[in-house]
C-alpha atoms as a PDB file:
ATOM      1  CA  MET A   1       9.049   0.612 -22.101  1.00  0.00           C
ATOM      2  CA  ARG A   2       6.401   3.293 -21.532  1.00  0.00           C
ATOM      3  CA  PHE A   3       3.037   2.495 -20.004  1.00  0.00           C
ATOM      4  CA  LEU A   4       0.625   5.336 -20.686  1.00  0.00           C
ATOM      5  CA  LEU A   5      -2.627   5.589 -18.775  1.00  0.00           C
ATOM      6  CA  ASP A   6      -5.757   6.188 -20.794  1.00  0.00           C
ATOM      7  CA  ALA A   7      -7.972   9.250 -20.339  1.00  0.00           C
ATOM      8  CA  GLU A   8     -10.315   7.512 -17.911  1.00  0.00           C
ATOM      9  CA  GLN A   9      -7.455   6.275 -15.723  1.00  0.00           C
ATOM     10  CA  ARG A  10      -5.861   9.727 -15.677  1.00  0.00           C
ATOM     11  CA  ALA A  11      -9.185  11.272 -14.698  1.00  0.00           C
ATOM     12  CA  PHE A  12      -9.542   8.713 -11.893  1.00  0.00           C
ATOM     13  CA  ALA A  13      -6.106   9.650 -10.552  1.00  0.00           C
ATOM     14  CA  ALA A  14      -6.825  13.369 -10.846  1.00  0.00           C
ATOM     15  CA  SER A  15     -10.134  13.064  -8.999  1.00  0.00           C
ATOM     16  CA  LEU A  16      -8.527  11.156  -6.141  1.00  0.00           C
ATOM     17  CA  ASP A  17      -5.666  13.651  -5.973  1.00  0.00           C
ATOM     18  CA  ALA A  18      -8.104  16.567  -5.765  1.00  0.00           C
ATOM     19  CA  MET A  19     -10.261  14.860  -3.161  1.00  0.00           C
ATOM     20  CA  LEU A  20      -7.331  13.925  -0.933  1.00  0.00           C
ATOM     21  CA  ALA A  21      -5.663  17.324  -1.310  1.00  0.00           C
ATOM     22  CA  SER A  22      -8.776  18.938   0.162  1.00  0.00           C
ATOM     23  CA  ALA A  23      -9.193  16.375   2.944  1.00  0.00           C
ATOM     24  CA  ASP A  24      -6.291  17.431   5.224  1.00  0.00           C
ATOM     25  CA  THR A  25      -4.868  13.913   5.328  1.00  0.00           C
ATOM     26  CA  PRO A  26      -1.917  14.871   7.602  1.00  0.00           C
ATOM     27  CA  SER A  27      -4.424  15.643  10.380  1.00  0.00           C
ATOM     28  CA  ALA A  28      -6.191  12.327   9.777  1.00  0.00           C
ATOM     29  CA  VAL A  29      -2.845  10.497   9.879  1.00  0.00           C
ATOM     30  CA  ARG A  30      -1.882  12.084  13.193  1.00  0.00           C
ATOM     31  CA  ALA A  31      -5.296  11.338  14.699  1.00  0.00           C
ATOM     32  CA  TRP A  32      -5.039   7.724  13.531  1.00  0.00           C
ATOM     33  CA  ALA A  33      -1.617   7.396  15.128  1.00  0.00           C
ATOM     34  CA  ASP A  34      -3.094   8.639  18.422  1.00  0.00           C
ATOM     35  CA  GLY A  35      -5.897   6.065  18.282  1.00  0.00           C
ATOM     36  CA  ASP A  36      -8.607   8.432  17.055  1.00  0.00           C
ATOM     37  CA  HIS A  37      -9.989   6.686  13.968  1.00  0.00           C
ATOM     38  CA  ALA A  38     -12.945   9.001  13.336  1.00  0.00           C
ATOM     39  CA  PRO A  39     -11.294  11.325  10.758  1.00  0.00           C
ATOM     40  CA  GLY A  40      -9.730   8.306   9.057  1.00  0.00           C
ATOM     41  CA  ARG A  41     -13.083   6.533   8.821  1.00  0.00           C
ATOM     42  CA  VAL A  42     -14.632   9.581   7.177  1.00  0.00           C
ATOM     43  CA  LEU A  43     -11.797   9.575   4.669  1.00  0.00           C
ATOM     44  CA  TRP A  44     -12.227   5.804   4.218  1.00  0.00           C
ATOM     45  CA  SER A  45     -15.890   6.253   3.274  1.00  0.00           C
ATOM     46  CA  ARG A  46     -14.969   8.873   0.712  1.00  0.00           C
ATOM     47  CA  LEU A  47     -12.324   6.593  -0.788  1.00  0.00           C
ATOM     48  CA  ALA A  48     -14.809   3.741  -1.088  1.00  0.00           C
ATOM     49  CA  GLU A  49     -17.371   6.055  -2.652  1.00  0.00           C
ATOM     50  CA  ALA A  50     -14.741   7.141  -5.170  1.00  0.00           C
ATOM     51  CA  GLY A  51     -14.213   3.486  -6.138  1.00  0.00           C
ATOM     52  CA  VAL A  52     -10.804   2.794  -4.621  1.00  0.00           C
ATOM     53  CA  PHE A  53     -11.654  -0.758  -3.475  1.00  0.00           C
ATOM     54  CA  ALA A  54     -13.913  -1.710  -6.401  1.00  0.00           C
ATOM     55  CA  PRO A  55     -11.028  -2.842  -8.690  1.00  0.00           C
ATOM     56  CA  ALA A  56     -10.183  -5.637  -6.235  1.00  0.00           C
ATOM     57  CA  VAL A  57     -13.758  -6.943  -5.959  1.00  0.00           C
ATOM     58  CA  PRO A  58     -15.536  -8.995  -8.671  1.00  0.00           C
ATOM     59  CA  GLU A  59     -18.590  -7.476 -10.318  1.00  0.00           C
ATOM     60  CA  ALA A  60     -20.751 -10.234  -8.847  1.00  0.00           C
ATOM     61  CA  TYR A  61     -20.153  -8.705  -5.396  1.00  0.00           C
ATOM     62  CA  GLU A  62     -20.781  -5.026  -6.256  1.00  0.00           C
ATOM     63  CA  GLY A  63     -17.214  -4.360  -7.393  1.00  0.00           C
ATOM     64  CA  ALA A  64     -15.660  -3.592 -10.775  1.00  0.00           C
ATOM     65  CA  GLY A  65     -12.769  -6.036 -10.832  1.00  0.00           C
ATOM     66  CA  PRO A  66     -10.456  -7.548 -11.318  1.00  0.00           C
ATOM     67  CA  LEU A  67      -8.775  -4.333 -12.495  1.00  0.00           C
ATOM     68  CA  PRO A  68      -5.189  -4.332 -11.173  1.00  0.00           C
ATOM     69  CA  VAL A  69      -4.069  -1.365 -13.288  1.00  0.00           C
ATOM     70  CA  GLU A  70      -6.851   0.820 -11.900  1.00  0.00           C
ATOM     71  CA  LEU A  71      -5.979  -0.365  -8.405  1.00  0.00           C
ATOM     72  CA  ALA A  72      -2.343   0.656  -8.947  1.00  0.00           C
ATOM     73  CA  VAL A  73      -3.487   4.071 -10.211  1.00  0.00           C
ATOM     74  CA  ALA A  74      -5.545   4.582  -7.051  1.00  0.00           C
ATOM     75  CA  PHE A  75      -2.842   3.448  -4.663  1.00  0.00           C
ATOM     76  CA  VAL A  76      -0.234   5.767  -6.144  1.00  0.00           C
ATOM     77  CA  GLU A  77      -2.526   8.611  -5.077  1.00  0.00           C
ATOM     78  CA  LEU A  78      -3.086   7.052  -1.642  1.00  0.00           C
ATOM     79  CA  GLY A  79       0.673   6.957  -1.163  1.00  0.00           C
ATOM     80  CA  ARG A  80       1.107  10.472  -2.510  1.00  0.00           C
ATOM     81  CA  HIS A  81      -1.219  11.709   0.257  1.00  0.00           C
ATOM     82  CA  ALA A  82      -0.050   9.268   3.014  1.00  0.00           C
ATOM     83  CA  VAL A  83      -3.568   7.916   3.570  1.00  0.00           C
ATOM     84  CA  PRO A  84      -3.775   5.971   6.872  1.00  0.00           C
ATOM     85  CA  GLY A  85      -5.513   2.683   7.562  1.00  0.00           C
ATOM     86  CA  PRO A  86      -5.317  -0.931   6.340  1.00  0.00           C
ATOM     87  CA  VAL A  87      -5.937  -0.056   2.697  1.00  0.00           C
ATOM     88  CA  VAL A  88      -3.611  -2.740   1.332  1.00  0.00           C
ATOM     89  CA  GLU A  89      -4.915  -5.314   3.801  1.00  0.00           C
ATOM     90  CA  THR A  90      -8.515  -4.614   2.770  1.00  0.00           C
ATOM     91  CA  VAL A  91      -7.530  -5.198  -0.864  1.00  0.00           C
ATOM     92  CA  ALA A  92      -5.759  -8.438   0.067  1.00  0.00           C
ATOM     93  CA  ALA A  93      -8.811  -9.633   2.000  1.00  0.00           C
ATOM     94  CA  ALA A  94     -11.111  -8.752  -0.910  1.00  0.00           C
ATOM     95  CA  VAL A  95      -8.958 -10.609  -3.428  1.00  0.00           C
ATOM     96  CA  LEU A  96      -8.712 -13.623  -1.118  1.00  0.00           C
ATOM     97  CA  LEU A  97     -12.483 -13.808  -0.728  1.00  0.00           C
ATOM     98  CA  GLY A  98     -13.086 -13.280  -4.439  1.00  0.00           C
ATOM     99  CA  GLU A  99     -10.583 -15.971  -5.371  1.00  0.00           C
ATOM    100  CA  LEU A 100     -12.192 -18.422  -2.967  1.00  0.00           C
ATOM    101  CA  SER A 101     -15.529 -17.710  -4.608  1.00  0.00           C
ATOM    102  CA  ALA A 102     -14.049 -18.495  -8.031  1.00  0.00           C
ATOM    103  CA  LEU A 103     -12.657 -21.760  -6.603  1.00  0.00           C
ATOM    104  CA  GLY A 104     -16.065 -22.875  -5.337  1.00  0.00           C
ATOM    105  CA  GLU A 105     -16.348 -21.213  -1.899  1.00  0.00           C
ATOM    106  CA  PRO A 106     -18.792 -18.313  -2.507  1.00  0.00           C
ATOM    107  CA  GLY A 107     -20.206 -18.080   1.024  1.00  0.00           C
ATOM    108  CA  PRO A 108     -17.559 -15.835   2.629  1.00  0.00           C
ATOM    109  CA  ALA A 109     -17.496 -13.565  -0.429  1.00  0.00           C
ATOM    110  CA  GLU A 110     -21.263 -13.121  -0.446  1.00  0.00           C
ATOM    111  CA  ARG A 111     -21.181 -12.264   3.223  1.00  0.00           C
ATOM    112  CA  LEU A 112     -18.192  -9.917   3.397  1.00  0.00           C
ATOM    113  CA  LEU A 113     -17.298  -8.423   0.024  1.00  0.00           C
ATOM    114  CA  PRO A 114     -20.197  -5.943  -0.402  1.00  0.00           C
ATOM    115  CA  GLY A 115     -19.281  -4.291   2.880  1.00  0.00           C
ATOM    116  CA  LEU A 116     -15.615  -3.998   1.881  1.00  0.00           C
ATOM    117  CA  VAL A 117     -16.297  -2.428  -1.503  1.00  0.00           C
ATOM    118  CA  SER A 118     -18.809   0.050  -0.040  1.00  0.00           C
ATOM    119  CA  GLY A 119     -16.499   1.117   2.787  1.00  0.00           C
ATOM    120  CA  LYS A 120     -18.919   0.001   5.496  1.00  0.00           C
ATOM    121  CA  SER A 121     -16.343  -2.604   6.567  1.00  0.00           C
ATOM    122  CA  MET A 122     -12.596  -2.317   7.000  1.00  0.00           C
ATOM    123  CA  ALA A 123     -10.503  -5.473   6.867  1.00  0.00           C
ATOM    124  CA  THR A 124      -7.110  -6.549   8.027  1.00  0.00           C
ATOM    125  CA  PHE A 125      -5.437  -9.764   6.982  1.00  0.00           C
ATOM    126  CA  ALA A 126      -2.802 -11.862   8.745  1.00  0.00           C
ATOM    127  CA  PRO A 127      -1.311 -14.625   6.574  1.00  0.00           C
ATOM    128  CA  ASP A 128       0.542 -17.508   8.212  1.00  0.00           C
ATOM    129  CA  GLY A 129       0.828 -16.072  11.693  1.00  0.00           C
ATOM    130  CA  ALA A 130       1.999 -12.602  10.656  1.00  0.00           C
ATOM    131  CA  ALA A 131       0.954  -9.577  12.670  1.00  0.00           C
ATOM    132  CA  ALA A 132      -2.135  -7.772  11.383  1.00  0.00           C
ATOM    133  CA  LEU A 133      -2.108  -4.075  10.603  1.00  0.00           C
ATOM    134  CA  ASP A 134      -4.628  -1.821  12.357  1.00  0.00           C
ATOM    135  CA  ALA A 135      -6.515  -4.689  13.938  1.00  0.00           C
ATOM    136  CA  ASP A 136      -7.847  -2.241  16.516  1.00  0.00           C
ATOM    137  CA  ALA A 137      -9.632  -0.305  13.761  1.00  0.00           C
ATOM    138  CA  ALA A 138     -10.681  -3.103  11.401  1.00  0.00           C
ATOM    139  CA  THR A 139     -14.146  -4.633  11.546  1.00  0.00           C
ATOM    140  CA  VAL A 140     -13.159  -7.787   9.628  1.00  0.00           C
ATOM    141  CA  LEU A 141     -10.100  -9.710  10.874  1.00  0.00           C
ATOM    142  CA  LEU A 142      -9.034 -12.536   8.565  1.00  0.00           C
ATOM    143  CA  ALA A 143      -6.265 -15.012   9.318  1.00  0.00           C
ATOM    144  CA  VAL A 144      -4.872 -17.894   7.272  1.00  0.00           C
ATOM    145  CA  ASP A 145      -3.061 -20.871   8.750  1.00  0.00           C
ATOM    146  CA  ASP A 146      -2.518 -24.509   7.799  1.00  0.00           C
ATOM    147  CA  ARG A 147      -6.115 -25.302   8.782  1.00  0.00           C
ATOM    148  CA  GLY A 148      -7.775 -22.717   6.542  1.00  0.00           C
ATOM    149  CA  LEU A 149      -9.229 -19.198   6.536  1.00  0.00           C
ATOM    150  CA  TRP A 150     -10.549 -17.838   9.828  1.00  0.00           C
ATOM    151  CA  LEU A 151     -12.674 -14.896  10.817  1.00  0.00           C
ATOM    152  CA  ALA A 152     -10.744 -14.025  13.970  1.00  0.00           C
ATOM    153  CA  PRO A 153     -12.586 -12.952  17.133  1.00  0.00           C
ATOM    154  CA  GLY A 154     -10.172 -10.135  17.909  1.00  0.00           C
ATOM    155  CA  ALA A 155      -6.535  -9.197  18.306  1.00  0.00           C
ATOM    156  CA  GLY A 156      -3.988  -8.734  21.041  1.00  0.00           C
ATOM    157  CA  PRO A 157      -2.402  -5.471  22.166  1.00  0.00           C
ATOM    158  CA  ALA A 158      -1.252  -3.210  19.349  1.00  0.00           C
ATOM    159  CA  ARG A 159       2.448  -2.497  18.951  1.00  0.00           C
ATOM    160  CA  ALA A 160       3.951   0.682  17.570  1.00  0.00           C
ATOM    161  CA  SER A 161       5.629   0.673  14.183  1.00  0.00           C
ATOM    162  CA  VAL A 162       8.290   2.953  12.744  1.00  0.00           C
ATOM    163  CA  ASP A 163       5.298   4.628  11.116  1.00  0.00           C
ATOM    164  CA  ARG A 164       3.122   5.681  14.070  1.00  0.00           C
ATOM    165  CA  SER A 165      -0.018   5.381  11.936  1.00  0.00           C
ATOM    166  CA  ARG A 166       0.700   1.668  11.313  1.00  0.00           C
ATOM    167  CA  ARG A 167      -0.081  -0.313  14.485  1.00  0.00           C
ATOM    168  CA  LEU A 168       0.535  -4.074  14.445  1.00  0.00           C
ATOM    169  CA  ALA A 169      -1.138  -6.762  16.541  1.00  0.00           C
ATOM    170  CA  ARG A 170      -1.397 -10.547  16.619  1.00  0.00           C
ATOM    171  CA  VAL A 171      -4.893 -11.799  15.874  1.00  0.00           C
ATOM    172  CA  GLN A 172      -6.450 -14.150  18.400  1.00  0.00           C
ATOM    173  CA  SER A 173      -6.598 -17.806  17.498  1.00  0.00           C
ATOM    174  CA  GLY A 174      -9.833 -19.576  16.763  1.00  0.00           C
ATOM    175  CA  GLY A 175     -12.968 -17.833  15.680  1.00  0.00           C
ATOM    176  CA  GLU A 176     -15.098 -18.886  12.715  1.00  0.00           C
ATOM    177  CA  LEU A 177     -13.621 -21.185  10.065  1.00  0.00           C
ATOM    178  CA  LEU A 178     -14.704 -19.675   6.736  1.00  0.00           C
ATOM    179  CA  ALA A 179     -12.964 -22.084   4.336  1.00  0.00           C
ATOM    180  CA  ALA A 180     -10.539 -24.995   4.377  1.00  0.00           C
ATOM    181  CA  GLY A 181      -8.619 -27.080   1.880  1.00  0.00           C
ATOM    182  CA  PRO A 182      -5.919 -26.429  -0.743  1.00  0.00           C
ATOM    183  CA  GLN A 183      -7.957 -23.661  -2.359  1.00  0.00           C
ATOM    184  CA  VAL A 184      -7.250 -21.435   0.650  1.00  0.00           C
ATOM    185  CA  ALA A 185      -3.506 -21.576   0.012  1.00  0.00           C
ATOM    186  CA  ARG A 186      -4.009 -20.825  -3.695  1.00  0.00           C
ATOM    187  CA  ALA A 187      -6.271 -17.890  -2.894  1.00  0.00           C
ATOM    188  CA  ALA A 188      -3.769 -16.573  -0.321  1.00  0.00           C
ATOM    189  CA  LEU A 189      -0.996 -16.547  -2.934  1.00  0.00           C
ATOM    190  CA  ARG A 190      -3.217 -14.528  -5.252  1.00  0.00           C
ATOM    191  CA  ALA A 191      -3.983 -12.107  -2.426  1.00  0.00           C
ATOM    192  CA  LEU A 192      -0.253 -11.756  -1.725  1.00  0.00           C
ATOM    193  CA  ALA A 193       0.394 -10.685  -5.322  1.00  0.00           C
ATOM    194  CA  TRP A 194      -2.302  -8.000  -5.140  1.00  0.00           C
ATOM    195  CA  ALA A 195      -1.065  -6.822  -1.742  1.00  0.00           C
ATOM    196  CA  ARG A 196       2.455  -6.433  -3.105  1.00  0.00           C
ATOM    197  CA  LEU A 197       1.162  -4.558  -6.140  1.00  0.00           C
ATOM    198  CA  ALA A 198      -0.820  -2.151  -3.949  1.00  0.00           C
ATOM    199  CA  THR A 199       2.176  -1.685  -1.638  1.00  0.00           C
ATOM    200  CA  ALA A 200       4.437  -0.953  -4.622  1.00  0.00           C
ATOM    201  CA  ALA A 201       1.968   1.631  -5.933  1.00  0.00           C
ATOM    202  CA  GLN A 202       1.639   3.204  -2.495  1.00  0.00           C
ATOM    203  CA  ALA A 203       5.438   3.393  -2.182  1.00  0.00           C
ATOM    204  CA  LEU A 204       5.752   5.026  -5.584  1.00  0.00           C
ATOM    205  CA  GLY A 205       3.243   7.672  -4.508  1.00  0.00           C
ATOM    206  CA  VAL A 206       5.141   8.238  -1.258  1.00  0.00           C
ATOM    207  CA  GLY A 207       8.375   8.686  -3.188  1.00  0.00           C
ATOM    208  CA  LEU A 208       6.806  11.127  -5.633  1.00  0.00           C
ATOM    209  CA  ALA A 209       5.428  13.210  -2.762  1.00  0.00           C
ATOM    210  CA  LEU A 210       8.811  13.284  -1.031  1.00  0.00           C
ATOM    211  CA  LEU A 211      10.577  14.285  -4.236  1.00  0.00           C
ATOM    212  CA  GLY A 212       8.080  17.034  -5.090  1.00  0.00           C
ATOM    213  CA  ARG A 213       8.160  18.542  -1.623  1.00  0.00           C
ATOM    214  CA  THR A 214      11.954  18.392  -1.454  1.00  0.00           C
ATOM    215  CA  VAL A 215      12.384  20.076  -4.852  1.00  0.00           C
ATOM    216  CA  ALA A 216      10.092  22.873  -3.663  1.00  0.00           C
ATOM    217  CA  TYR A 217      11.970  23.213  -0.360  1.00  0.00           C
ATOM    218  CA  VAL A 218      15.494  23.434  -1.805  1.00  0.00           C
ATOM    219  CA  GLY A 219      14.223  25.940  -4.351  1.00  0.00           C
ATOM    220  CA  GLN A 220      13.166  28.260  -1.527  1.00  0.00           C
ATOM    221  CA  ARG A 221      16.024  27.673   0.908  1.00  0.00           C
ATOM    222  CA  THR A 222      19.181  29.737   0.429  1.00  0.00           C
ATOM    223  CA  GLN A 223      22.773  29.239   1.547  1.00  0.00           C
ATOM    224  CA  PHE A 224      25.690  31.584   0.875  1.00  0.00           C
ATOM    225  CA  GLY A 225      23.164  33.887  -0.743  1.00  0.00           C
ATOM    226  CA  VAL A 226      22.040  31.445  -3.472  1.00  0.00           C
ATOM    227  CA  PRO A 227      19.257  28.828  -3.661  1.00  0.00           C
ATOM    228  CA  VAL A 228      20.309  25.421  -2.351  1.00  0.00           C
ATOM    229  CA  ALA A 229      18.780  23.927  -5.501  1.00  0.00           C
ATOM    230  CA  SER A 230      21.599  25.506  -7.550  1.00  0.00           C
ATOM    231  CA  PHE A 231      24.271  23.322  -5.906  1.00  0.00           C
ATOM    232  CA  GLN A 232      25.506  20.545  -8.155  1.00  0.00           C
ATOM    233  CA  ALA A 233      25.524  17.941  -5.373  1.00  0.00           C
ATOM    234  CA  VAL A 234      21.886  18.708  -4.570  1.00  0.00           C
ATOM    235  CA  LYS A 235      20.915  18.410  -8.221  1.00  0.00           C
ATOM    236  CA  HIS A 236      22.638  15.033  -8.482  1.00  0.00           C
ATOM    237  CA  ARG A 237      20.935  13.714  -5.359  1.00  0.00           C
ATOM    238  CA  LEU A 238      17.497  14.736  -6.595  1.00  0.00           C
ATOM    239  CA  ALA A 239      18.198  13.433 -10.090  1.00  0.00           C
ATOM    240  CA  ASP A 240      19.138  10.028  -8.668  1.00  0.00           C
ATOM    241  CA  ALA A 241      15.876   9.928  -6.721  1.00  0.00           C
ATOM    242  CA  MET A 242      13.835  10.922  -9.756  1.00  0.00           C
ATOM    243  CA  ILE A 243      15.506   8.283 -11.944  1.00  0.00           C
ATOM    244  CA  ALA A 244      14.833   5.593  -9.340  1.00  0.00           C
ATOM    245  CA  LEU A 245      11.137   6.534  -9.155  1.00  0.00           C
ATOM    246  CA  GLU A 246      10.730   6.793 -12.922  1.00  0.00           C
ATOM    247  CA  PHE A 247      12.378   3.392 -13.344  1.00  0.00           C
ATOM    248  CA  ALA A 248       9.915   1.925 -10.835  1.00  0.00           C
ATOM    249  CA  ARG A 249       6.849   3.303 -12.615  1.00  0.00           C
ATOM    250  CA  PRO A 250       6.904   1.053 -15.733  1.00  0.00           C
ATOM    251  CA  LEU A 251       7.736  -1.978 -13.599  1.00  0.00           C
ATOM    252  CA  LEU A 252       4.664  -1.237 -11.500  1.00  0.00           C
ATOM    253  CA  PHE A 253       2.249  -0.915 -14.401  1.00  0.00           C
ATOM    254  CA  GLY A 254       3.870  -3.762 -16.307  1.00  0.00           C
ATOM    255  CA  ALA A 255       3.334  -5.986 -13.285  1.00  0.00           C
ATOM    256  CA  ALA A 256      -0.272  -4.780 -13.028  1.00  0.00           C
ATOM    257  CA  LEU A 257      -0.874  -5.897 -16.617  1.00  0.00           C
ATOM    258  CA  SER A 258       0.556  -9.383 -16.118  1.00  0.00           C
ATOM    259  CA  MET A 259       0.041 -10.012 -12.364  1.00  0.00           C
ATOM    260  CA  ALA A 260       2.832 -12.591 -12.620  1.00  0.00           C
ATOM    261  CA  PRO A 261       4.135 -13.105  -9.065  1.00  0.00           C
ATOM    262  CA  ALA A 262       7.772 -12.593 -10.079  1.00  0.00           C
ATOM    263  CA  GLU A 263       6.992  -9.347 -11.904  1.00  0.00           C
ATOM    264  CA  VAL A 264       4.913  -8.072  -9.010  1.00  0.00           C
ATOM    265  CA  ALA A 265       7.750  -8.888  -6.594  1.00  0.00           C
ATOM    266  CA  ALA A 266      10.221  -7.022  -8.825  1.00  0.00           C
ATOM    267  CA  ALA A 267       7.911  -4.019  -8.946  1.00  0.00           C
ATOM    268  CA  LYS A 268       7.465  -4.096  -5.185  1.00  0.00           C
ATOM    269  CA  VAL A 269      11.150  -4.153  -4.331  1.00  0.00           C
ATOM    270  CA  THR A 270      11.999  -1.546  -6.977  1.00  0.00           C
ATOM    271  CA  ALA A 271       9.289   0.913  -5.955  1.00  0.00           C
ATOM    272  CA  CYS A 272       9.929   0.507  -2.241  1.00  0.00           C
ATOM    273  CA  GLU A 273      13.698   0.908  -2.628  1.00  0.00           C
ATOM    274  CA  ALA A 274      13.136   3.985  -4.808  1.00  0.00           C
ATOM    275  CA  ALA A 275      10.866   5.506  -2.161  1.00  0.00           C
ATOM    276  CA  TYR A 276      13.389   4.690   0.566  1.00  0.00           C
ATOM    277  CA  THR A 277      16.216   6.238  -1.463  1.00  0.00           C
ATOM    278  CA  THR A 278      14.122   9.353  -2.020  1.00  0.00           C
ATOM    279  CA  ALA A 279      13.282   9.530   1.694  1.00  0.00           C
ATOM    280  CA  ARG A 280      16.969   9.448   2.601  1.00  0.00           C
ATOM    281  CA  ALA A 281      17.730  12.197   0.103  1.00  0.00           C
ATOM    282  CA  ALA A 282      14.788  14.280   1.298  1.00  0.00           C
ATOM    283  CA  LEU A 283      15.841  13.913   4.917  1.00  0.00           C
ATOM    284  CA  GLN A 284      19.391  15.011   4.174  1.00  0.00           C
ATOM    285  CA  LEU A 285      18.344  17.979   2.054  1.00  0.00           C
ATOM    286  CA  HIS A 286      15.782  19.213   4.572  1.00  0.00           C
ATOM    287  CA  GLY A 287      18.339  19.184   7.369  1.00  0.00           C
ATOM    288  CA  ALA A 288      17.305  19.229  11.014  1.00  0.00           C
ATOM    289  CA  ILE A 289      13.698  20.175  10.296  1.00  0.00           C
ATOM    290  CA  GLY A 290      13.244  16.830   8.553  1.00  0.00           C
ATOM    291  CA  TYR A 291      13.684  14.999  11.870  1.00  0.00           C
ATOM    292  CA  THR A 292      10.817  16.756  13.627  1.00  0.00           C
ATOM    293  CA  ALA A 293       7.536  14.887  14.034  1.00  0.00           C
ATOM    294  CA  GLU A 294       5.635  18.182  13.812  1.00  0.00           C
ATOM    295  CA  TYR A 295       6.807  18.702  10.235  1.00  0.00           C
ATOM    296  CA  ASP A 296       4.369  17.061   7.812  1.00  0.00           C
ATOM    297  CA  LEU A 297       7.107  15.513   5.682  1.00  0.00           C
ATOM    298  CA  SER A 298       7.920  13.121   8.537  1.00  0.00           C
ATOM    299  CA  LEU A 299       4.652  11.309   7.757  1.00  0.00           C
ATOM    300  CA  TRP A 300       6.059  10.314   4.376  1.00  0.00           C
ATOM    301  CA  PHE A 301       9.551   9.540   5.732  1.00  0.00           C
ATOM    302  CA  THR A 302       8.250   6.931   8.138  1.00  0.00           C
ATOM    303  CA  LYS A 303       5.798   5.454   5.647  1.00  0.00           C
ATOM    304  CA  ALA A 304       8.575   4.896   3.111  1.00  0.00           C
ATOM    305  CA  ARG A 305      10.528   2.993   5.754  1.00  0.00           C
ATOM    306  CA  ALA A 306       7.545   0.894   6.844  1.00  0.00           C
ATOM    307  CA  LEU A 307       6.400  -0.026   3.325  1.00  0.00           C
ATOM    308  CA  ARG A 308       9.882  -1.269   2.473  1.00  0.00           C
ATOM    309  CA  THR A 309       9.320  -4.488   4.437  1.00  0.00           C
ATOM    310  CA  ALA A 310       5.513  -4.738   4.281  1.00  0.00           C
ATOM    311  CA  TRP A 311       4.228  -7.809   2.399  1.00  0.00           C
ATOM    312  CA  GLY A 312       7.725  -9.085   1.709  1.00  0.00           C
ATOM    313  CA  THR A 313      11.195  -7.875   2.596  1.00  0.00           C
ATOM    314  CA  PRO A 314      13.512  -6.677  -0.173  1.00  0.00           C
ATOM    315  CA  ALA A 315      15.398  -9.976   0.067  1.00  0.00           C
ATOM    316  CA  ALA A 316      12.214 -12.039  -0.232  1.00  0.00           C
ATOM    317  CA  CYS A 317      10.964 -10.056  -3.225  1.00  0.00           C
ATOM    318  CA  ARG A 318      14.336 -10.253  -4.964  1.00  0.00           C
ATOM    319  CA  ALA A 319      14.342 -14.023  -4.454  1.00  0.00           C
ATOM    320  CA  GLU A 320      10.835 -14.241  -5.942  1.00  0.00           C
ATOM    321  CA  ALA A 321      11.847 -12.139  -8.928  1.00  0.00           C
ATOM    322  CA  LEU A 322      15.026 -14.130  -9.571  1.00  0.00           C
ATOM    323  CA  ALA A 323      13.134 -17.386  -9.214  1.00  0.00           C
ATOM    324  CA  GLY A 324      10.722 -16.198 -11.876  1.00  0.00           C
ATOM    325  CA  LEU A 325      13.599 -15.565 -14.258  1.00  0.00           C
ATOM    326  CA  SER A 326      15.073 -19.025 -13.646  1.00  0.00           C
ATOM    327  CA  GLY A 327      11.741 -20.856 -13.589  1.00  0.00           C
ATOM    328  CA  ALA A 328      12.328 -22.056 -10.006  1.00  0.00           C
ATOM    329  CA  ARG A 329      10.442 -21.240  -6.825  1.00  0.00           C
ATOM    330  CA  PRO A 330      12.325 -19.406  -4.026  1.00  0.00           C
ATOM    331  CA  ARG A 331      13.090 -21.288  -0.852  1.00  0.00           C
ATOM    332  CA  SER A 332      10.798 -20.500   2.055  1.00  0.00           C
END
């Protein structure tokens, strides 16, 4: 099945691509990894101004949502340019707050959502005791446990990830209780679906960037006096990567249309595995230079690996998808 974007959605993607291409995102990624968030915050403000977070925020709180397809369009471009920061976590926090508002808890949404959609605030979100991404940079730290939704007072020491621009930390317990009751768990499940959708879109963008850069590289590199791209084995490897990414694309946008948890989980595992497959092919075809941290492509290599397990491991997402087909819920 083909999912074709309309003219407005294509223009949105093109504008983000042009903006990010001129923003020198590799430098911002490296600065973020070294703890210098200033270039990343400038980029964050530009993303918010362009409307990247608006699809996740209801219109009542200065957003444009819910618009999951537009969110997926935006996050493909964020992945294509390896944008740093808790972009997925901010979306998850926004959806959680918006869902709580719809379930009769408008206070936290009124207080926090306008800042998230405008880019003045940056959120991270830790569900059920999980480590929070970029808690040292975020201004809003949300945590969910069996007692409810908390505005955490801070986080512990950050730990390095396989992707140096993704630093993980445990949020501190306590803080301000924003909401309690069964509606928190329902809202958290909705936020999980949006987080997985955004992660899938980001992974697809990462894979497309890796494929495009690798095709260009093997077209320029020669061996035995001929372009490496002319070798049949190289063609097959790149074709396999392209097929995997193109298979993931309709699953992503189909899931964005339905937002069914099982379909979103299927899209997430498919897109992330496609990006990981492409990263492996790109690393092999680049040779030794692909291992060097100084080479920009390494920023996409490590992101593909990190996104693979973010917001649900491949096994967890496969279980969710299979459970959706059978009508049963996966075991926790």
